[in-house]
Amino acid sequence: MTASPSSSAQGAREALAVRLQHLRKDAGLTGRELSVRCGWHPAKTTRIQKGDAPPSDADIRIWCAACDADDQADDLIATARAVDSMYLEWRRLHQGGMRKVQDDWYALHERTRVCRAYLSNVPPGFFQTPAFATALMEQITGFQGTPNDVSEAVAARVARSRFLYEGNRRFVVLMEESVLRFRTAGPDAMKGQLRHLLAVMPLASVSLGVIPFTVQRTVWPLEAFYLHDDVQAVVETLTAEINVTQPRELADYAKAFTDLAEMAVYGDAARTLIQASIDALG
């Protein structure tokens, strides 16, 4: 496997910084001379060139103008925005509540034909029941200390389930058995969630595999990730949503998914694991 996506995001920031540094050098300017032309302190130039401080759109336009390279400003701004969207902290995304992020996920699934999802902690949002989603989002909001719009966010999350039934989409889902066993919500909400998994399994759009605790591992448990049509992977960590679009990294996630799928059980064997988890709740 390659370095973590957060490291790749930092690498992309550094690559942008190198492009800006090359513009300065091609213009025959020292860092101090560029700073004078830009009208800011040399320390700012240093931070931008090291990738420590992401440049704003205005910063890039001023930098390009100082290097007589205005024609490159738009491309560099587009690159900077793409880099900025690679690593998005949850607190930043949820600063106005969770509803907007759920709407963004809805839009992403709306344009996705095949979604492959691997989960090691909770079921994917499009499988979640309102009761389970409410319990989970209350926990997240409390942990992050962000505005509580859970009822609206839950409605937006549950709306994604419509794509299971329309639009000729495919949802190929792998879950660790731990997803079934973790008591993320109260007993009644957990039972309802697990029964819902049994209910969606027969859908033509759904393939659901469970990786048993007892299986011989060929891939270690990973952070949750979603592959959208082989063009984007969304990785969920404790602190951030990470968007991966680099082909080499996408290939790694696709390979990991394939290897994880070989460890999973399906059909009756998966249903047996789910039913055992329901029974264990009493």
Protein backbone atom coordinates (compact mmCIF):
# COMPACT_ATOMS: atom_id res chain seq x y z
CA MET A 1 0.00 0.00 0.00
CA THR A 2 1.09 3.60 -0.57
CA ALA A 3 1.44 6.33 2.02
CA SER A 4 -1.74 7.51 3.72
CA PRO A 5 -4.04 9.85 1.78
CA SER A 6 -3.29 12.63 4.27
CA SER A 7 0.38 12.30 3.32
CA SER A 8 -0.61 12.41 -0.35
CA ALA A 9 -2.58 15.59 0.27
CA GLN A 10 0.50 17.16 1.83
CA GLY A 11 2.52 15.95 -1.14
CA ALA A 12 0.09 17.69 -3.49
CA ARG A 13 0.45 20.92 -1.51
CA GLU A 14 4.22 20.65 -1.79
CA ALA A 15 3.96 20.03 -5.54
CA LEU A 16 1.92 23.22 -5.91
CA ALA A 17 4.53 25.07 -3.85
CA VAL A 18 7.26 23.80 -6.17
CA ARG A 19 5.36 25.10 -9.22
CA LEU A 20 5.16 28.55 -7.64
CA GLN A 21 8.85 28.41 -6.75
CA HIS A 22 9.72 27.53 -10.35
CA LEU A 23 7.70 30.52 -11.57
CA ARG A 24 9.77 32.76 -9.32
CA LYS A 25 13.05 31.27 -10.52
CA ASP A 26 12.00 31.45 -14.18
CA ALA A 27 11.32 35.16 -13.63
CA GLY A 28 14.85 35.57 -12.23
CA LEU A 29 13.61 36.74 -8.84
CA THR A 30 14.89 35.97 -5.37
CA GLY A 31 12.39 35.27 -2.64
CA ARG A 32 12.95 38.75 -1.19
CA GLU A 33 12.49 40.43 -4.58
CA LEU A 34 9.25 38.54 -5.15
CA SER A 35 8.02 39.55 -1.71
CA VAL A 36 8.66 43.21 -2.48
CA ARG A 37 6.72 42.96 -5.75
CA CYS A 38 3.87 41.17 -3.99
CA GLY A 39 3.82 43.65 -1.13
CA TRP A 40 4.06 41.17 1.70
CA HIS A 41 6.65 39.98 4.24
CA PRO A 42 9.37 37.57 2.97
CA ALA A 43 8.27 35.06 5.62
CA LYS A 44 4.99 34.62 3.74
CA THR A 45 6.88 33.77 0.56
CA THR A 46 8.93 31.22 2.48
CA ARG A 47 5.82 29.58 3.98
CA ILE A 48 4.13 29.33 0.58
CA GLN A 49 7.25 27.90 -1.09
CA LYS A 50 7.58 25.24 1.62
CA GLY A 51 3.93 24.24 1.36
CA ASP A 52 3.35 25.28 4.97
CA ALA A 53 0.81 27.98 4.10
CA PRO A 54 -1.78 27.32 1.35
CA PRO A 55 -1.97 30.36 -0.94
CA SER A 56 -5.32 32.04 -1.48
CA ASP A 57 -6.67 32.75 -4.96
CA ALA A 58 -5.55 36.36 -4.54
CA ASP A 59 -2.08 35.26 -3.43
CA ILE A 60 -1.67 33.17 -6.57
CA ARG A 61 -2.78 35.99 -8.85
CA ILE A 62 -0.38 38.44 -7.17
CA TRP A 63 2.46 35.88 -7.36
CA CYS A 64 1.85 35.24 -11.06
CA ALA A 65 1.63 38.97 -11.82
CA ALA A 66 4.94 39.53 -10.02
CA CYS A 67 6.50 36.83 -12.23
CA ASP A 68 4.90 38.13 -15.46
CA ALA A 69 2.99 34.85 -15.68
CA ASP A 70 -0.63 35.98 -15.45
CA ASP A 71 -1.57 33.34 -18.03
CA GLN A 72 -0.82 30.59 -15.50
CA ALA A 73 -2.91 32.00 -12.66
CA ASP A 74 -6.19 30.28 -13.49
CA ASP A 75 -4.59 26.85 -13.79
CA LEU A 76 -2.70 27.26 -10.52
CA ILE A 77 -5.84 28.43 -8.73
CA ALA A 78 -7.73 25.37 -9.99
CA THR A 79 -4.88 23.16 -8.78
CA ALA A 80 -4.87 24.84 -5.36
CA ARG A 81 -8.60 24.35 -4.97
CA ALA A 82 -8.28 20.67 -5.89
CA VAL A 83 -5.51 20.25 -3.31
CA ASP A 84 -7.64 22.02 -0.71
CA SER A 85 -10.51 19.60 -1.30
CA MET A 86 -8.32 16.51 -0.84
CA TYR A 87 -8.13 16.78 2.93
CA LEU A 88 -11.17 18.29 4.64
CA GLU A 89 -11.36 18.34 8.43
CA TRP A 90 -14.72 17.23 9.81
CA ARG A 91 -14.91 20.25 12.14
CA ARG A 92 -14.50 22.52 9.14
CA LEU A 93 -17.09 20.58 7.14
CA HIS A 94 -19.51 20.51 10.08
CA GLN A 95 -18.97 24.08 11.25
CA GLY A 96 -22.56 24.91 10.28
CA GLY A 97 -23.96 21.47 11.13
CA MET A 98 -23.97 18.11 9.38
CA ARG A 99 -26.79 18.66 6.88
CA LYS A 100 -24.67 20.21 4.12
CA VAL A 101 -22.19 17.33 4.11
CA GLN A 102 -25.08 14.88 3.77
CA ASP A 103 -26.42 16.88 0.83
CA ASP A 104 -22.96 16.72 -0.78
CA TRP A 105 -22.90 12.93 -0.30
CA TYR A 106 -26.34 12.73 -1.89
CA ALA A 107 -25.07 14.60 -4.96
CA LEU A 108 -22.01 12.33 -5.19
CA HIS A 109 -24.15 9.17 -5.08
CA GLU A 110 -26.56 10.67 -7.59
CA ARG A 111 -23.81 10.75 -10.21
CA THR A 112 -22.21 7.43 -9.19
CA ARG A 113 -23.10 4.28 -11.11
CA VAL A 114 -21.09 1.77 -9.06
CA CYS A 115 -20.19 2.40 -5.44
CA ARG A 116 -17.87 0.00 -3.64
CA ALA A 117 -17.77 0.55 0.10
CA TYR A 118 -15.64 -1.02 2.82
CA LEU A 119 -16.63 -0.48 6.46
CA SER A 120 -14.90 -1.52 9.65
CA ASN A 121 -16.94 0.50 12.15
CA VAL A 122 -20.53 1.36 11.11
CA PRO A 123 -22.83 0.51 8.16
CA PRO A 124 -22.64 2.88 5.18
CA GLY A 125 -24.97 5.87 5.29
CA PHE A 126 -27.20 4.54 2.49
CA PHE A 127 -27.92 1.44 4.63
CA GLN A 128 -28.57 3.27 7.89
CA THR A 129 -31.97 3.45 9.56
CA PRO A 130 -33.19 6.77 10.99
CA ALA A 131 -32.81 5.51 14.58
CA PHE A 132 -29.25 4.27 14.05
CA ALA A 133 -28.22 7.38 12.09
CA THR A 134 -29.63 9.59 14.85
CA ALA A 135 -27.64 7.78 17.56
CA LEU A 136 -24.45 7.93 15.50
CA MET A 137 -24.79 11.59 14.51
CA GLU A 138 -25.56 12.62 18.08
CA GLN A 139 -22.26 11.01 19.11
CA ILE A 140 -20.34 12.74 16.30
CA THR A 141 -21.86 16.15 17.04
CA GLY A 142 -21.08 15.79 20.74
CA PHE A 143 -17.49 14.71 20.07
CA GLN A 144 -16.78 17.49 17.57
CA GLY A 145 -18.67 20.20 19.43
CA THR A 146 -20.32 21.36 16.21
CA PRO A 147 -23.87 22.75 15.76
CA ASN A 148 -26.61 20.19 16.32
CA ASP A 149 -28.81 19.83 13.25
CA VAL A 150 -29.04 16.06 13.62
CA SER A 151 -32.70 15.70 12.66
CA GLU A 152 -32.14 17.51 9.35
CA ALA A 153 -28.87 15.66 8.72
CA VAL A 154 -30.49 12.28 9.39
CA ALA A 155 -33.27 13.04 6.90
CA ALA A 156 -30.66 13.96 4.28
CA ARG A 157 -28.60 10.83 5.00
CA VAL A 158 -31.57 8.46 4.86
CA ALA A 159 -32.67 10.06 1.56
CA ARG A 160 -29.67 8.41 -0.08
CA SER A 161 -31.33 5.02 0.31
CA ARG A 162 -33.58 5.87 -2.65
CA PHE A 163 -30.64 5.10 -4.94
CA LEU A 164 -30.81 1.45 -3.85
CA TYR A 165 -34.14 1.22 -5.64
CA GLU A 166 -33.74 3.38 -8.74
CA GLY A 167 -31.35 4.47 -11.45
CA ASN A 168 -29.72 1.13 -12.28
CA ARG A 169 -26.96 1.67 -9.71
CA ARG A 170 -24.80 -0.93 -7.96
CA PHE A 171 -23.73 -0.93 -4.31
CA VAL A 172 -21.03 -3.47 -3.50
CA VAL A 173 -20.49 -3.38 0.25
CA LEU A 174 -17.98 -5.17 2.47
CA MET A 175 -18.30 -5.03 6.25
CA GLU A 176 -16.08 -6.35 8.96
CA GLU A 177 -18.04 -8.51 11.43
CA SER A 178 -17.20 -5.83 13.98
CA VAL A 179 -19.74 -3.55 12.25
CA LEU A 180 -22.44 -6.01 13.30
CA ARG A 181 -21.15 -6.37 16.85
CA PHE A 182 -20.22 -2.84 17.89
CA ARG A 183 -23.07 -1.42 20.00
CA THR A 184 -22.97 1.99 18.37
CA ALA A 185 -26.64 2.60 19.22
CA GLY A 186 -29.02 1.27 21.88
CA PRO A 187 -30.30 -2.34 21.65
CA ASP A 188 -33.55 -1.50 19.85
CA ALA A 189 -31.83 0.76 17.30
CA MET A 190 -29.11 -1.84 16.76
CA LYS A 191 -31.67 -4.61 16.19
CA GLY A 192 -33.54 -2.42 13.75
CA GLN A 193 -30.33 -1.62 11.89
CA LEU A 194 -29.26 -5.24 11.63
CA ARG A 195 -32.71 -6.33 10.47
CA HIS A 196 -32.57 -3.61 7.85
CA LEU A 197 -29.35 -5.13 6.52
CA LEU A 198 -31.20 -8.42 6.08
CA ALA A 199 -33.98 -6.55 4.29
CA VAL A 200 -31.74 -4.85 1.72
CA MET A 201 -29.58 -7.90 0.96
CA PRO A 202 -31.99 -9.35 -1.65
CA LEU A 203 -32.11 -6.10 -3.67
CA ALA A 204 -30.78 -6.43 -7.22
CA SER A 205 -28.64 -3.33 -6.69
CA VAL A 206 -26.92 -4.69 -3.57
CA SER A 207 -24.05 -7.07 -2.93
CA LEU A 208 -23.26 -7.38 0.77
CA GLY A 209 -20.33 -9.35 2.14
CA VAL A 210 -19.24 -9.78 5.75
CA ILE A 211 -15.63 -10.49 6.73
CA PRO A 212 -15.76 -12.86 9.72
CA PHE A 213 -13.63 -12.38 12.82
CA THR A 214 -12.21 -15.87 12.28
CA VAL A 215 -11.05 -15.49 8.68
CA GLN A 216 -7.35 -15.71 7.87
CA ARG A 217 -6.40 -12.13 6.99
CA THR A 218 -4.67 -11.26 3.75
CA VAL A 219 -5.41 -7.53 4.25
CA TRP A 220 -5.50 -5.93 7.68
CA PRO A 221 -8.62 -3.98 8.78
CA LEU A 222 -8.58 -0.53 7.20
CA GLU A 223 -10.29 2.82 7.65
CA ALA A 224 -13.69 3.10 5.95
CA PHE A 225 -13.49 3.98 2.26
CA TYR A 226 -15.85 4.39 -0.68
CA LEU A 227 -14.87 3.93 -4.34
CA HIS A 228 -17.03 5.85 -6.80
CA ASP A 229 -16.83 4.59 -10.39
CA ASP A 230 -13.04 4.17 -10.18
CA VAL A 231 -12.59 7.95 -10.39
CA GLN A 232 -12.72 8.96 -6.72
CA ALA A 233 -12.16 7.34 -3.35
CA VAL A 234 -13.50 8.94 -0.19
CA VAL A 235 -11.68 7.84 2.96
CA GLU A 236 -13.10 8.57 6.40
CA THR A 237 -10.73 9.06 9.34
CA LEU A 238 -11.38 10.36 12.84
CA THR A 239 -10.55 13.94 11.93
CA ALA A 240 -11.09 14.30 8.19
CA GLU A 241 -12.71 13.28 4.95
CA ILE A 242 -10.00 12.55 2.40
CA ASN A 243 -10.69 12.59 -1.33
CA VAL A 244 -8.34 10.51 -3.47
CA THR A 245 -8.23 10.95 -7.24
CA GLN A 246 -4.64 10.01 -8.09
CA PRO A 247 -4.79 6.92 -10.36
CA ARG A 248 -2.00 5.09 -8.50
CA GLU A 249 -3.78 5.47 -5.17
CA LEU A 250 -7.16 4.58 -6.66
CA ALA A 251 -5.60 1.37 -7.96
CA ASP A 252 -4.35 0.56 -4.47
CA TYR A 253 -7.81 1.02 -2.97
CA ALA A 254 -9.35 -1.08 -5.74
CA LYS A 255 -6.80 -3.85 -5.11
CA ALA A 256 -7.44 -3.72 -1.37
CA PHE A 257 -11.18 -3.97 -2.00
CA THR A 258 -10.71 -7.00 -4.26
CA ASP A 259 -8.54 -8.74 -1.66
CA LEU A 260 -10.96 -7.91 1.16
CA ALA A 261 -13.85 -9.24 -0.93
CA GLU A 262 -12.12 -12.62 -1.18
CA MET A 263 -12.16 -12.89 2.63
CA ALA A 264 -15.87 -12.10 2.94
CA VAL A 265 -18.83 -14.45 3.13
CA TYR A 266 -22.07 -13.81 1.27
CA GLY A 267 -25.67 -14.99 1.05
CA ASP A 268 -26.75 -17.42 3.77
CA ALA A 269 -23.37 -17.31 5.50
CA ALA A 270 -23.57 -13.51 5.80
CA ARG A 271 -27.18 -13.68 6.96
CA THR A 272 -26.15 -16.15 9.66
CA LEU A 273 -23.58 -13.70 11.02
CA ILE A 274 -26.11 -10.86 11.00
CA GLN A 275 -28.78 -12.97 12.72
CA ALA A 276 -26.27 -14.09 15.36
CA SER A 277 -25.53 -10.44 16.09
CA ILE A 278 -29.26 -9.71 16.46
CA ASP A 279 -29.66 -12.68 18.81
CA ALA A 280 -26.72 -11.50 20.91
CA LEU A 281 -28.61 -8.28 21.67
CA GLY A 282 -31.22 -10.31 23.59
